[in-house]
Amino acid sequence: MANVVPIDKKKKKEAKPTKRATLGSNILPFESPEKRNQSIGYDPELDKAVTEAELEILINNLDVSEINQQGTNDQRQVLEKIKTEFKTGNYFSALARIVREDIQLTNRTLWMFLRLNRVYQGQRTGTTDMMEMADVRNVLHDQNISMELMEGYSGPTEQKPAVEMALKTVANGETGTTEVGLDDLELAHQMVRSALKAELKNKYEDVVSLDGAQHGLSGMEMPGVKDQNPIQGSYNNNEKVNRYLRLYEALTVELFNKQQQVVEKETSLKFKKAEVKESLDRLQKIPEMAIGDSVYNQLVEKMTKMDMGQLKYLDFKILELFNQVNNQVKTFDEANQEVAGWVSENKKFSKTELHEELEKRKAENKSNDDKELSALRNNSPVKKPIVMPIRNPIYPEDLKEVA
């Protein structure tokens, strides 16, 4: 039998506390943070390499529109500065420069921001957790936070109520209650950036501008205020900066997701239009149908302006009419007259029209059912009750004879 070695509790190596909200993180409570990171697929070196590659790609291939470029910093110059800070390990300065500098934040720039923020957050907390949208909604529900965000609004006064409503819409955008639009998310995203930008300017003063006439950050610190470094500084000085960084990160991811949904929705709409046009082509090919080029073109033009609900309604009407004509439920004159009504300006194929038509059909079906039931009651002959046949009993000896 092997010797039992007692555990020296004083020498036992315990893991450093982390804020990671990862499934299974409690399974290996005594593993080192490095091993635990590996167990959930977190590789800090890989994140750094990918971030550096993203920076290099952006510097060599600027993803910037030439529209409204007056008064903005030189994009490549800022990215070069970010690259230098990143290589020296000053991740916070590099990250803050993306937010603070007056440059265009395209989707590719924001994607690089997400990568860089993961590196910084990993350095700051040693975790890979990212704020979920449920947490974002809780933050935006905070009255103090919403007031801070609105205090940073500098746009036209008449648009301020719309911005405030956009923030409330995102805050209340729980599944099944509110449809958060792309515009609402973009406004909330911009407001958080403005608040983060103002917070960074309040705590980290520009010392030396970038080369030439462009303005910008140099060291992201004031002489004598280095203790405000978000990694080493006090809670009061830096918690707001870190909170807004995490909030901005989560909204950026949600913004990308929403953009993808919009693209998928537009693609589905495009294919649905082609599908409805194909149905109309089938109806037009019936020889007795008098769908001329004028009516056909008007209907196609009408389709181009329809949403998904309208297209589905029109497709249903086309397919229904096609079956009614083939089954001789409607004459060709009636069918042509119905098609002529589709091109009318009064026919919108709206949800209201669909609801009214369905209610009308329900009433007609009920009326027809009532008539048929009444006819059965009044005209059916009197029938004798059905009597079940009497079967002779089977005894065991009968079964023996059969066997």
Protein backbone atom coordinates (compact mmCIF):
# COMPACT_ATOMS: atom_id res chain seq x y z
CA MET A 1 0.00 0.00 0.00
CA ALA A 2 1.37 3.43 -0.97
CA ASN A 3 2.31 5.88 1.73
CA VAL A 4 -0.19 8.67 2.31
CA VAL A 5 1.48 12.07 2.10
CA PRO A 6 -0.33 14.72 4.18
CA ILE A 7 -1.25 17.96 2.41
CA ASP A 8 0.57 21.03 3.63
CA LYS A 9 -2.13 23.68 3.42
CA LYS A 10 0.41 26.49 3.72
CA LYS A 11 2.26 25.32 0.61
CA LYS A 12 -0.85 24.64 -1.42
CA LYS A 13 -0.95 26.92 -4.46
CA GLU A 14 -4.30 28.55 -4.90
CA ALA A 15 -5.50 30.25 -8.07
CA LYS A 16 -5.78 33.99 -8.16
CA PRO A 17 -9.38 35.20 -8.03
CA THR A 18 -10.85 36.04 -11.42
CA LYS A 19 -14.08 37.55 -12.69
CA ARG A 20 -14.42 35.07 -15.53
CA ALA A 21 -18.02 34.06 -16.15
CA THR A 22 -17.21 30.98 -18.17
CA LEU A 23 -19.07 27.69 -18.13
CA GLY A 24 -17.03 25.14 -16.21
CA SER A 25 -14.68 27.65 -14.58
CA ASN A 26 -15.50 26.14 -11.20
CA ILE A 27 -14.48 22.64 -12.26
CA LEU A 28 -10.76 23.34 -11.90
CA PRO A 29 -10.71 25.62 -8.84
CA PHE A 30 -7.03 25.03 -8.04
CA GLU A 31 -5.58 25.33 -11.54
CA SER A 32 -3.37 28.28 -12.31
CA PRO A 33 -4.94 31.13 -14.33
CA GLU A 34 -2.65 30.26 -17.28
CA LYS A 35 -3.83 26.63 -17.39
CA ARG A 36 -7.44 27.70 -16.92
CA ASN A 37 -7.14 30.13 -19.82
CA GLN A 38 -5.80 27.32 -21.99
CA SER A 39 -8.67 25.07 -20.93
CA ILE A 40 -11.22 27.55 -22.31
CA GLY A 41 -9.23 28.37 -25.43
CA TYR A 42 -7.85 31.76 -24.38
CA ASP A 43 -4.42 32.50 -25.81
CA PRO A 44 -3.13 36.02 -25.00
CA GLU A 45 -0.21 35.69 -27.43
CA LEU A 46 -2.57 34.76 -30.24
CA ASP A 47 -4.76 37.80 -29.46
CA LYS A 48 -1.70 40.05 -29.62
CA ALA A 49 -0.55 38.56 -32.91
CA VAL A 50 -3.98 38.96 -34.49
CA THR A 51 -4.25 42.56 -33.26
CA GLU A 52 -0.85 43.42 -34.69
CA ALA A 53 -1.80 41.86 -38.01
CA GLU A 54 -5.07 43.83 -38.10
CA LEU A 55 -3.15 47.05 -37.47
CA GLU A 56 -0.69 46.28 -40.25
CA ILE A 57 -3.51 45.59 -42.71
CA LEU A 58 -5.29 48.85 -41.82
CA ILE A 59 -2.11 50.92 -42.13
CA ASN A 60 -1.32 49.52 -45.58
CA ASN A 61 -4.93 49.53 -46.82
CA LEU A 62 -6.85 52.40 -45.25
CA ASP A 63 -10.57 51.66 -45.10
CA VAL A 64 -11.61 55.32 -45.08
CA SER A 65 -14.15 57.25 -47.09
CA GLU A 66 -12.95 60.45 -48.75
CA ILE A 67 -16.22 62.16 -47.84
CA ASN A 68 -16.20 64.66 -44.97
CA GLN A 69 -12.47 64.35 -44.32
CA GLN A 70 -11.94 68.03 -43.51
CA GLY A 71 -10.78 68.63 -39.96
CA THR A 72 -10.01 64.98 -39.20
CA ASN A 73 -6.67 63.54 -38.21
CA ASP A 74 -4.53 61.70 -40.68
CA GLN A 75 -5.76 58.10 -40.40
CA ARG A 76 -2.44 56.42 -41.23
CA GLN A 77 -0.49 58.68 -38.88
CA VAL A 78 -2.81 57.81 -35.98
CA LEU A 79 -2.64 54.08 -36.76
CA GLU A 80 1.18 54.22 -36.85
CA LYS A 81 1.10 55.84 -33.40
CA ILE A 82 -1.23 53.11 -32.14
CA LYS A 83 1.07 50.44 -33.57
CA THR A 84 4.09 51.92 -31.78
CA GLU A 85 2.25 52.03 -28.45
CA PHE A 86 0.96 48.50 -28.90
CA LYS A 87 4.41 47.09 -29.62
CA THR A 88 5.80 48.69 -26.46
CA GLY A 89 3.02 47.05 -24.43
CA ASN A 90 1.14 50.29 -23.72
CA TYR A 91 -2.20 48.73 -24.65
CA PHE A 92 -4.33 51.28 -22.86
CA SER A 93 -2.77 54.24 -24.70
CA ALA A 94 -3.22 52.46 -28.01
CA LEU A 95 -6.82 51.58 -27.19
CA ALA A 96 -7.71 55.04 -25.91
CA ARG A 97 -6.21 56.69 -28.99
CA ILE A 98 -8.71 54.88 -31.23
CA VAL A 99 -11.55 56.41 -29.25
CA ARG A 100 -10.07 59.85 -28.67
CA GLU A 101 -8.56 60.69 -32.04
CA ASP A 102 -10.70 62.45 -34.60
CA ILE A 103 -10.61 59.65 -37.16
CA GLN A 104 -13.24 57.70 -39.01
CA LEU A 105 -14.25 54.56 -37.17
CA THR A 106 -15.14 52.20 -39.99
CA ASN A 107 -16.19 48.62 -39.34
CA ARG A 108 -12.64 47.40 -39.92
CA THR A 109 -11.28 49.96 -37.45
CA LEU A 110 -13.89 48.92 -34.91
CA TRP A 111 -12.99 45.27 -35.46
CA MET A 112 -9.39 46.13 -34.66
CA PHE A 113 -10.62 48.00 -31.56
CA LEU A 114 -12.37 44.82 -30.38
CA ARG A 115 -9.16 42.82 -30.77
CA LEU A 116 -7.07 45.42 -28.98
CA ASN A 117 -9.61 45.75 -26.18
CA ARG A 118 -9.47 41.99 -25.60
CA VAL A 119 -5.69 42.24 -25.19
CA TYR A 120 -6.04 45.17 -22.78
CA GLN A 121 -8.86 43.58 -20.76
CA GLY A 122 -6.84 40.37 -20.52
CA GLN A 123 -3.87 42.37 -19.20
CA ARG A 124 -6.07 44.33 -16.79
CA THR A 125 -8.11 41.50 -15.29
CA GLY A 126 -6.58 38.27 -16.56
CA THR A 127 -9.98 37.19 -17.86
CA THR A 128 -11.72 36.80 -21.18
CA ASP A 129 -15.24 37.69 -20.09
CA MET A 130 -17.17 40.20 -22.19
CA MET A 131 -20.19 42.20 -21.12
CA GLU A 132 -23.44 40.63 -22.31
CA MET A 133 -26.32 42.67 -23.72
CA ALA A 134 -28.34 41.94 -20.58
CA ASP A 135 -25.59 43.70 -18.61
CA VAL A 136 -25.57 46.55 -21.13
CA ARG A 137 -29.31 47.04 -20.63
CA ASN A 138 -28.85 47.12 -16.87
CA VAL A 139 -26.15 49.79 -17.21
CA LEU A 140 -28.27 51.91 -19.55
CA HIS A 141 -31.21 51.60 -17.15
CA ASP A 142 -29.09 53.34 -14.51
CA GLN A 143 -30.44 56.89 -14.27
CA ASN A 144 -27.00 58.34 -13.53
CA ILE A 145 -25.45 56.65 -16.56
CA SER A 146 -28.23 57.77 -18.90
CA MET A 147 -27.88 61.35 -17.61
CA GLU A 148 -24.10 61.25 -18.15
CA LEU A 149 -24.60 60.04 -21.71
CA MET A 150 -27.14 62.75 -22.51
CA GLU A 151 -24.93 65.45 -20.95
CA GLY A 152 -22.36 64.68 -23.63
CA TYR A 153 -24.83 65.24 -26.45
CA SER A 154 -23.73 68.13 -28.67
CA GLY A 155 -26.01 67.75 -31.69
CA PRO A 156 -29.03 69.78 -32.78
CA THR A 157 -31.50 70.50 -29.97
CA GLU A 158 -34.49 69.28 -31.97
CA GLN A 159 -32.87 65.84 -32.32
CA LYS A 160 -32.09 65.40 -28.62
CA PRO A 161 -35.46 63.71 -27.76
CA ALA A 162 -34.84 61.16 -30.53
CA VAL A 163 -31.39 60.34 -29.13
CA GLU A 164 -32.78 60.00 -25.61
CA MET A 165 -35.51 57.68 -26.91
CA ALA A 166 -32.90 55.59 -28.76
CA LEU A 167 -31.01 55.03 -25.49
CA LYS A 168 -34.24 53.98 -23.76
CA THR A 169 -35.11 51.67 -26.65
CA VAL A 170 -31.77 49.87 -26.40
CA ALA A 171 -32.12 49.69 -22.60
CA ASN A 172 -35.56 48.07 -22.95
CA GLY A 173 -34.67 45.92 -25.95
CA GLU A 174 -35.27 42.56 -24.31
CA THR A 175 -36.20 39.63 -26.52
CA GLY A 176 -39.87 39.64 -27.38
CA THR A 177 -40.65 43.13 -26.09
CA THR A 178 -38.96 45.73 -28.27
CA GLU A 179 -37.45 45.60 -31.73
CA VAL A 180 -34.21 47.53 -31.50
CA GLY A 181 -33.42 49.06 -34.86
CA LEU A 182 -30.02 49.65 -36.41
CA ASP A 183 -30.43 53.44 -36.03
CA ASP A 184 -31.11 53.09 -32.30
CA LEU A 185 -27.99 50.97 -31.80
CA GLU A 186 -25.84 53.36 -33.83
CA LEU A 187 -27.02 56.35 -31.76
CA ALA A 188 -26.37 54.54 -28.46
CA HIS A 189 -22.96 53.46 -29.76
CA GLN A 190 -22.06 57.06 -30.67
CA MET A 191 -23.23 58.40 -27.30
CA VAL A 192 -21.10 55.91 -25.36
CA ARG A 193 -18.09 56.81 -27.50
CA SER A 194 -18.65 60.52 -26.81
CA ALA A 195 -18.88 59.87 -23.05
CA LEU A 196 -15.74 57.70 -23.14
CA LYS A 197 -13.92 60.33 -25.18
CA ALA A 198 -14.83 63.06 -22.68
CA GLU A 199 -13.76 60.88 -19.74
CA LEU A 200 -10.39 60.19 -21.34
CA LYS A 201 -9.83 63.88 -22.07
CA ASN A 202 -10.64 64.78 -18.46
CA LYS A 203 -8.04 62.38 -17.06
CA TYR A 204 -5.36 62.13 -19.71
CA GLU A 205 -4.23 65.44 -21.13
CA ASP A 206 -2.49 65.88 -24.50
CA VAL A 207 1.18 66.68 -23.99
CA VAL A 208 2.61 66.84 -27.50
CA SER A 209 0.60 66.83 -30.70
CA LEU A 210 1.23 64.56 -33.63
CA ASP A 211 3.60 65.68 -36.37
CA GLY A 212 2.57 68.56 -38.59
CA ALA A 213 -0.69 70.48 -38.26
CA GLN A 214 -2.63 67.46 -37.02
CA HIS A 215 -3.61 67.35 -33.38
CA GLY A 216 -3.64 64.25 -31.22
CA LEU A 217 -2.36 62.40 -28.19
CA SER A 218 1.24 61.63 -27.36
CA GLY A 219 1.57 59.80 -24.08
CA MET A 220 -1.99 59.70 -22.76
CA GLU A 221 -0.81 61.05 -19.42
CA MET A 222 -0.29 64.30 -17.58
CA PRO A 223 3.01 65.08 -15.81
CA GLY A 224 2.61 63.97 -12.21
CA VAL A 225 -0.63 62.09 -12.79
CA LYS A 226 0.79 58.73 -13.81
CA ASP A 227 -1.01 57.07 -10.91
CA GLN A 228 -4.17 57.37 -13.01
CA ASN A 229 -3.03 54.47 -15.18
CA PRO A 230 -6.21 52.31 -15.44
CA ILE A 231 -4.24 49.16 -14.64
CA GLN A 232 -2.57 50.45 -11.48
CA GLY A 233 -4.67 53.44 -10.49
CA SER A 234 -7.39 53.85 -7.92
CA TYR A 235 -10.96 52.61 -8.35
CA ASN A 236 -12.49 56.10 -8.40
CA ASN A 237 -10.16 57.41 -11.07
CA ASN A 238 -10.42 54.58 -13.55
CA GLU A 239 -13.51 52.46 -13.01
CA LYS A 240 -15.64 54.76 -15.17
CA VAL A 241 -13.15 54.55 -18.05
CA ASN A 242 -13.05 50.76 -17.88
CA ARG A 243 -16.84 50.52 -17.59
CA TYR A 244 -17.35 52.65 -20.69
CA LEU A 245 -14.72 50.64 -22.58
CA ARG A 246 -16.55 47.41 -21.83
CA LEU A 247 -19.90 49.02 -22.65
CA TYR A 248 -18.55 50.33 -25.96
CA GLU A 249 -17.13 46.90 -26.77
CA ALA A 250 -20.45 45.12 -26.16
CA LEU A 251 -22.40 47.68 -28.21
CA THR A 252 -19.88 47.34 -31.05
CA VAL A 253 -20.43 43.57 -31.16
CA GLU A 254 -24.21 44.06 -31.03
CA LEU A 255 -23.95 46.65 -33.81
CA PHE A 256 -22.09 44.14 -36.01
CA ASN A 257 -24.73 41.50 -35.27
CA LYS A 258 -27.52 43.90 -36.19
CA GLN A 259 -25.79 44.88 -39.42
CA GLN A 260 -25.55 41.20 -40.33
CA GLN A 261 -29.26 40.73 -39.60
CA VAL A 262 -30.09 43.67 -41.86
CA VAL A 263 -27.99 42.18 -44.67
CA GLU A 264 -29.68 38.79 -44.26
CA LYS A 265 -33.10 40.44 -44.20
CA GLU A 266 -32.35 42.37 -47.39
CA THR A 267 -31.09 39.19 -49.06
CA SER A 268 -34.26 37.31 -48.10
CA LEU A 269 -36.35 40.19 -49.43
CA LYS A 270 -34.49 40.10 -52.74
CA PHE A 271 -35.09 36.36 -53.18
CA LYS A 272 -38.76 36.71 -52.18
CA LYS A 273 -39.29 39.35 -54.87
CA ALA A 274 -37.84 36.96 -57.45
CA GLU A 275 -40.09 34.16 -56.15
CA VAL A 276 -43.27 36.28 -56.43
CA LYS A 277 -42.28 37.42 -59.93
CA GLU A 278 -41.91 33.76 -60.92
CA SER A 279 -45.44 33.06 -59.62
CA LEU A 280 -46.76 35.98 -61.67
CA ASP A 281 -44.98 34.64 -64.77
CA ARG A 282 -46.76 31.28 -64.35
CA LEU A 283 -50.12 33.03 -64.10
CA GLN A 284 -49.42 35.15 -67.18
CA LYS A 285 -48.56 32.06 -69.27
CA ILE A 286 -52.13 30.75 -69.02
CA PRO A 287 -53.47 31.52 -72.53
CA GLU A 288 -56.87 32.77 -71.43
CA MET A 289 -55.41 35.18 -68.86
CA ALA A 290 -55.34 38.70 -70.29
CA ILE A 291 -52.31 39.99 -68.34
CA GLY A 292 -50.78 42.43 -70.79
CA ASP A 293 -47.35 44.00 -70.59
CA SER A 294 -48.76 47.17 -69.03
CA VAL A 295 -50.45 45.36 -66.12
CA TYR A 296 -47.48 43.00 -65.73
CA ASN A 297 -44.94 45.84 -65.56
CA GLN A 298 -47.11 47.79 -63.09
CA LEU A 299 -47.26 44.77 -60.79
CA VAL A 300 -43.49 44.19 -60.99
CA GLU A 301 -42.89 47.88 -60.24
CA LYS A 302 -45.22 47.58 -57.25
CA MET A 303 -43.29 44.54 -56.00
CA THR A 304 -40.01 46.47 -55.87
CA LYS A 305 -41.46 48.73 -53.16
CA MET A 306 -43.03 45.98 -51.01
CA ASP A 307 -41.83 44.62 -47.68
CA MET A 308 -41.78 40.91 -46.80
CA GLY A 309 -45.35 40.88 -45.47
CA GLN A 310 -46.78 42.52 -48.59
CA LEU A 311 -44.84 40.17 -50.86
CA LYS A 312 -46.15 37.09 -49.03
CA TYR A 313 -49.72 38.39 -49.29
CA LEU A 314 -49.39 39.05 -53.04
CA ASP A 315 -47.76 35.65 -53.59
CA PHE A 316 -50.67 33.98 -51.78
CA LYS A 317 -53.20 35.81 -53.97
CA ILE A 318 -51.35 34.85 -57.19
CA LEU A 319 -51.09 31.16 -56.26
CA GLU A 320 -54.70 31.06 -55.07
CA LEU A 321 -55.96 32.59 -58.32
CA PHE A 322 -53.80 30.16 -60.33
CA ASN A 323 -55.46 27.18 -58.58
CA GLN A 324 -58.94 28.69 -58.85
CA VAL A 325 -58.57 29.10 -62.62
CA ASN A 326 -57.17 25.60 -63.12
CA ASN A 327 -59.94 24.06 -61.01
CA GLN A 328 -62.59 26.20 -62.76
CA VAL A 329 -63.67 27.80 -59.49
CA LYS A 330 -63.36 31.20 -61.18
CA THR A 331 -63.92 32.19 -64.79
CA PHE A 332 -61.16 33.87 -66.76
CA ASP A 333 -63.14 37.10 -66.81
CA GLU A 334 -63.32 37.07 -63.00
CA ALA A 335 -59.61 36.26 -62.75
CA ASN A 336 -58.60 39.06 -65.13
CA GLN A 337 -60.79 41.49 -63.23
CA GLU A 338 -59.09 40.50 -59.95
CA VAL A 339 -55.61 40.97 -61.44
CA ALA A 340 -56.63 44.42 -62.70
CA GLY A 341 -57.58 45.31 -59.11
CA TRP A 342 -54.08 44.40 -57.86
CA VAL A 343 -52.46 47.27 -59.75
CA SER A 344 -54.85 49.83 -58.27
CA GLU A 345 -53.24 52.46 -56.04
CA ASN A 346 -55.83 51.65 -53.36
CA LYS A 347 -54.60 48.05 -53.14
CA LYS A 348 -51.61 48.10 -50.74
CA PHE A 349 -51.46 44.40 -49.74
CA SER A 350 -51.08 45.65 -46.19
CA LYS A 351 -51.57 43.79 -42.90
CA THR A 352 -54.86 45.62 -42.41
CA GLU A 353 -56.16 44.44 -45.80
CA LEU A 354 -55.04 40.88 -45.06
CA HIS A 355 -56.80 40.94 -41.69
CA GLU A 356 -60.00 42.27 -43.26
CA GLU A 357 -59.92 39.60 -45.97
CA LEU A 358 -59.37 36.79 -43.46
CA GLU A 359 -62.23 38.03 -41.28
CA LYS A 360 -64.48 38.20 -44.36
CA ARG A 361 -63.54 34.63 -45.33
CA LYS A 362 -64.22 33.37 -41.82
CA ALA A 363 -67.67 34.96 -41.90
CA GLU A 364 -68.43 33.46 -45.35
CA ASN A 365 -67.24 30.00 -44.30
CA LYS A 366 -69.36 30.12 -41.16
CA SER A 367 -72.40 31.19 -43.16
CA ASN A 368 -71.89 28.33 -45.66
CA ASP A 369 -71.43 25.82 -42.82
CA ASP A 370 -74.64 27.02 -41.15
CA LYS A 371 -76.55 26.62 -44.43
CA GLU A 372 -75.27 23.08 -44.96
CA LEU A 373 -76.11 22.08 -41.39
CA SER A 374 -79.59 23.53 -41.72
CA ALA A 375 -80.17 21.62 -44.96
CA LEU A 376 -79.06 18.38 -43.31
CA ARG A 377 -81.43 18.93 -40.42
CA ASN A 378 -84.46 19.86 -42.52
CA ASN A 379 -84.14 17.64 -45.60
CA SER A 380 -82.61 14.39 -44.37
CA PRO A 381 -85.01 11.32 -44.21
CA VAL A 382 -85.82 9.68 -40.88
CA LYS A 383 -83.48 6.75 -40.37
CA LYS A 384 -84.03 3.66 -38.23
CA PRO A 385 -81.64 3.18 -35.36
CA ILE A 386 -78.71 0.91 -36.15
CA VAL A 387 -78.76 -2.31 -34.15
CA MET A 388 -75.58 -4.23 -33.60
CA PRO A 389 -75.80 -7.90 -34.77
CA ILE A 390 -76.16 -10.55 -32.09
CA ARG A 391 -73.29 -12.99 -32.29
CA ASN A 392 -73.55 -16.59 -31.09
CA PRO A 393 -71.32 -17.33 -28.11
CA ILE A 394 -68.18 -19.38 -28.69
CA TYR A 395 -67.43 -22.19 -26.24
CA PRO A 396 -64.11 -23.96 -25.57
CA GLU A 397 -65.26 -27.18 -27.20
CA ASP A 398 -66.02 -25.30 -30.42
CA LEU A 399 -62.42 -24.11 -30.50
CA LYS A 400 -61.21 -27.71 -30.05
CA GLU A 401 -63.22 -28.82 -33.07
CA VAL A 402 -61.69 -26.05 -35.18
CA ALA A 403 -58.19 -27.07 -34.06
